Amino acid sequence: MSTDNRTLKGASAQQQADVPLHLQDLHCFTETNGVITTTMFDVPGYRVVRVLGAVYGITVRSRNWGASLAMVIKSVAGGELKWFTNMLYTARNDAISRIVAETQSRGGNAVIALRFDAGELGGFAQVCAYGTAAVIEKIDDSAETHPQLVKK
């Protein structure tokens, strides 16, 4: 796995995310630099103190002609097109990194109602992540503290 899948794009290119050992083989882990990202409309045990508005991150990726040719050959035989799958994971992680950076620039610590949209634009793959940037605070002491909000 390449380290760019685990590096916050706004951070130094050499700074790696703190990925727990049991998650190191996953492509779907994105460092959020302390910002909670959730597809839910709330965070149990927390309340929304302030809504900071909609945030989105878009990335467009191209396939090189060699990979495209290899994918055409592979599609004849059938099976997963792993190079394309990895490209989409990377695009998704980049889109999340961009909404995290936008949320932080507005002073937020959460993105709620996170959604993704993906499509193809004439041979290019585009991924858009969008949600609502917010400031949340814990209101229930018995609620789990989200690891993204624990200061290290």
Protein backbone atom coordinates (compact mmCIF):
# COMPACT_ATOMS: atom_id res chain seq x y z
CA MET A 1 0.00 0.00 0.00
CA SER A 2 1.36 3.40 -0.88
CA THR A 3 1.71 5.96 1.86
CA ASP A 4 -0.27 8.62 -0.02
CA ASN A 5 -3.47 6.77 0.90
CA ARG A 6 -2.61 7.44 4.54
CA THR A 7 -1.20 10.95 4.31
CA LEU A 8 -3.34 14.03 4.85
CA LYS A 9 -2.87 15.95 1.64
CA GLY A 10 -2.64 19.32 3.40
CA ALA A 11 0.15 18.00 5.62
CA SER A 12 3.77 17.43 4.81
CA ALA A 13 4.22 14.76 2.15
CA GLN A 14 6.46 12.84 4.55
CA GLN A 15 4.06 12.94 7.52
CA GLN A 16 2.17 9.66 7.73
CA ALA A 17 -1.16 9.17 9.40
CA ASP A 18 -1.42 7.33 12.69
CA VAL A 19 -3.03 4.19 11.27
CA PRO A 20 -3.79 1.47 13.84
CA LEU A 21 -1.99 -1.80 13.08
CA HIS A 22 -5.23 -3.72 12.47
CA LEU A 23 -6.18 -1.21 9.74
CA GLN A 24 -2.84 -0.95 7.94
CA ASP A 25 -3.87 -3.23 5.09
CA LEU A 26 -7.04 -1.27 4.31
CA HIS A 27 -7.17 1.19 1.43
CA CYS A 28 -10.24 2.87 2.87
CA PHE A 29 -8.60 4.49 5.92
CA THR A 30 -8.11 8.22 5.54
CA GLU A 31 -6.33 10.36 8.13
CA THR A 32 -8.77 13.06 9.19
CA ASN A 33 -6.40 15.02 11.40
CA GLY A 34 -8.84 15.05 14.32
CA VAL A 35 -12.00 15.79 12.31
CA ILE A 36 -14.87 13.31 12.71
CA THR A 37 -16.41 12.30 9.39
CA THR A 38 -19.75 10.53 9.49
CA THR A 39 -22.54 9.67 7.10
CA MET A 40 -25.02 10.06 9.96
CA PHE A 41 -26.92 13.30 10.59
CA ASP A 42 -25.67 13.43 14.19
CA VAL A 43 -22.95 11.99 16.40
CA PRO A 44 -24.39 10.05 19.36
CA GLY A 45 -23.44 11.67 22.68
CA TYR A 46 -22.45 14.92 20.99
CA ARG A 47 -24.37 18.00 19.95
CA VAL A 48 -23.85 20.32 17.05
CA VAL A 49 -22.76 23.66 18.48
CA ARG A 50 -22.40 25.46 15.16
CA VAL A 51 -23.01 24.63 11.51
CA LEU A 52 -20.26 25.98 9.27
CA GLY A 53 -21.84 25.18 5.91
CA ALA A 54 -21.43 22.74 3.08
CA VAL A 55 -17.95 21.50 2.25
CA TYR A 56 -16.84 19.45 -0.71
CA GLY A 57 -13.70 17.98 -2.16
CA ILE A 58 -13.33 16.94 -5.78
CA THR A 59 -10.59 15.06 -7.55
CA VAL A 60 -10.32 13.91 -11.16
CA ARG A 61 -7.98 11.08 -12.08
CA SER A 62 -6.80 9.81 -15.43
CA ARG A 63 -5.67 6.34 -16.33
CA ASN A 64 -2.42 6.07 -18.26
CA TRP A 65 -2.72 4.41 -21.66
CA GLY A 66 -0.72 1.35 -20.54
CA ALA A 67 -3.02 0.71 -17.60
CA SER A 68 -6.07 1.31 -19.79
CA LEU A 69 -4.83 -1.24 -22.32
CA ALA A 70 -4.11 -3.75 -19.53
CA MET A 71 -7.62 -3.17 -18.14
CA VAL A 72 -9.19 -3.82 -21.55
CA ILE A 73 -7.30 -7.11 -21.81
CA LYS A 74 -8.22 -8.03 -18.22
CA SER A 75 -11.89 -7.20 -18.84
CA VAL A 76 -11.98 -9.83 -21.61
CA ALA A 77 -10.91 -12.49 -19.10
CA GLY A 78 -13.10 -11.06 -16.32
CA GLY A 79 -12.29 -10.30 -12.71
CA GLU A 80 -11.48 -7.27 -10.65
CA LEU A 81 -9.56 -4.45 -12.28
CA LYS A 82 -7.31 -3.85 -9.25
CA TRP A 83 -5.41 -0.92 -10.71
CA PHE A 84 -8.67 0.93 -11.32
CA THR A 85 -9.99 -0.03 -7.86
CA ASN A 86 -6.84 1.36 -6.24
CA MET A 87 -7.13 4.55 -8.28
CA LEU A 88 -10.70 5.05 -7.03
CA TYR A 89 -9.69 4.41 -3.41
CA THR A 90 -6.96 7.02 -3.76
CA ALA A 91 -9.39 9.47 -5.35
CA ARG A 92 -11.89 8.94 -2.53
CA ASN A 93 -9.20 9.49 0.09
CA ASP A 94 -8.05 12.68 -1.64
CA ALA A 95 -11.64 13.98 -1.74
CA ILE A 96 -12.05 13.31 2.00
CA SER A 97 -8.72 15.00 2.74
CA ARG A 98 -9.95 18.09 0.91
CA ILE A 99 -13.21 18.37 2.86
CA VAL A 100 -11.28 17.82 6.10
CA ALA A 101 -8.91 20.66 5.20
CA GLU A 102 -11.86 22.91 4.30
CA THR A 103 -13.62 22.03 7.58
CA GLN A 104 -10.48 22.82 9.58
CA SER A 105 -9.99 26.12 7.75
CA ARG A 106 -13.50 27.11 8.94
CA GLY A 107 -12.73 26.06 12.53
CA GLY A 108 -14.78 22.84 12.50
CA ASN A 109 -14.12 19.46 14.07
CA ALA A 110 -16.72 17.34 12.25
CA VAL A 111 -18.25 16.67 8.85
CA ILE A 112 -21.76 15.29 9.17
CA ALA A 113 -23.99 13.82 6.46
CA LEU A 114 -20.90 12.86 4.43
CA ARG A 115 -21.72 11.60 0.95
CA PHE A 116 -19.82 10.60 -2.18
CA ASP A 117 -20.53 10.99 -5.85
CA ALA A 118 -18.44 9.41 -8.59
CA GLY A 119 -18.56 9.39 -12.33
CA GLU A 120 -16.60 9.13 -15.52
CA LEU A 121 -15.80 12.08 -17.74
CA GLY A 122 -14.53 10.88 -21.09
CA GLY A 123 -11.98 8.43 -19.71
CA PHE A 124 -11.34 10.37 -16.52
CA ALA A 125 -12.67 9.25 -13.14
CA GLN A 126 -14.00 11.91 -10.81
CA VAL A 127 -14.92 11.56 -7.15
CA CYS A 128 -16.65 14.20 -5.06
CA ALA A 129 -17.07 14.03 -1.28
CA TYR A 130 -19.47 16.48 0.33
CA GLY A 131 -21.08 17.09 3.68
CA THR A 132 -21.77 19.70 6.34
CA ALA A 133 -18.89 21.16 8.33
CA ALA A 134 -19.75 21.63 11.99
CA VAL A 135 -18.40 22.20 15.47
CA ILE A 136 -19.54 19.47 17.85
CA GLU A 137 -19.08 18.95 21.58
CA LYS A 138 -19.58 16.02 23.90
CA ILE A 139 -22.75 16.23 26.04
CA ASP A 140 -23.00 12.68 27.37
CA ASP A 141 -20.08 11.56 29.56
CA SER A 142 -20.99 7.91 29.00
CA ALA A 143 -20.71 8.31 25.21
CA GLU A 144 -17.63 6.91 23.54
CA THR A 145 -14.93 9.47 22.84
CA HIS A 146 -14.24 9.29 19.15
CA PRO A 147 -10.58 8.52 18.45
CA GLN A 148 -10.43 11.43 16.01
CA LEU A 149 -11.10 13.86 18.89
CA VAL A 150 -8.52 12.45 21.31
CA LYS A 151 -5.51 14.75 21.54
CA LYS A 152 -2.20 12.96 21.15
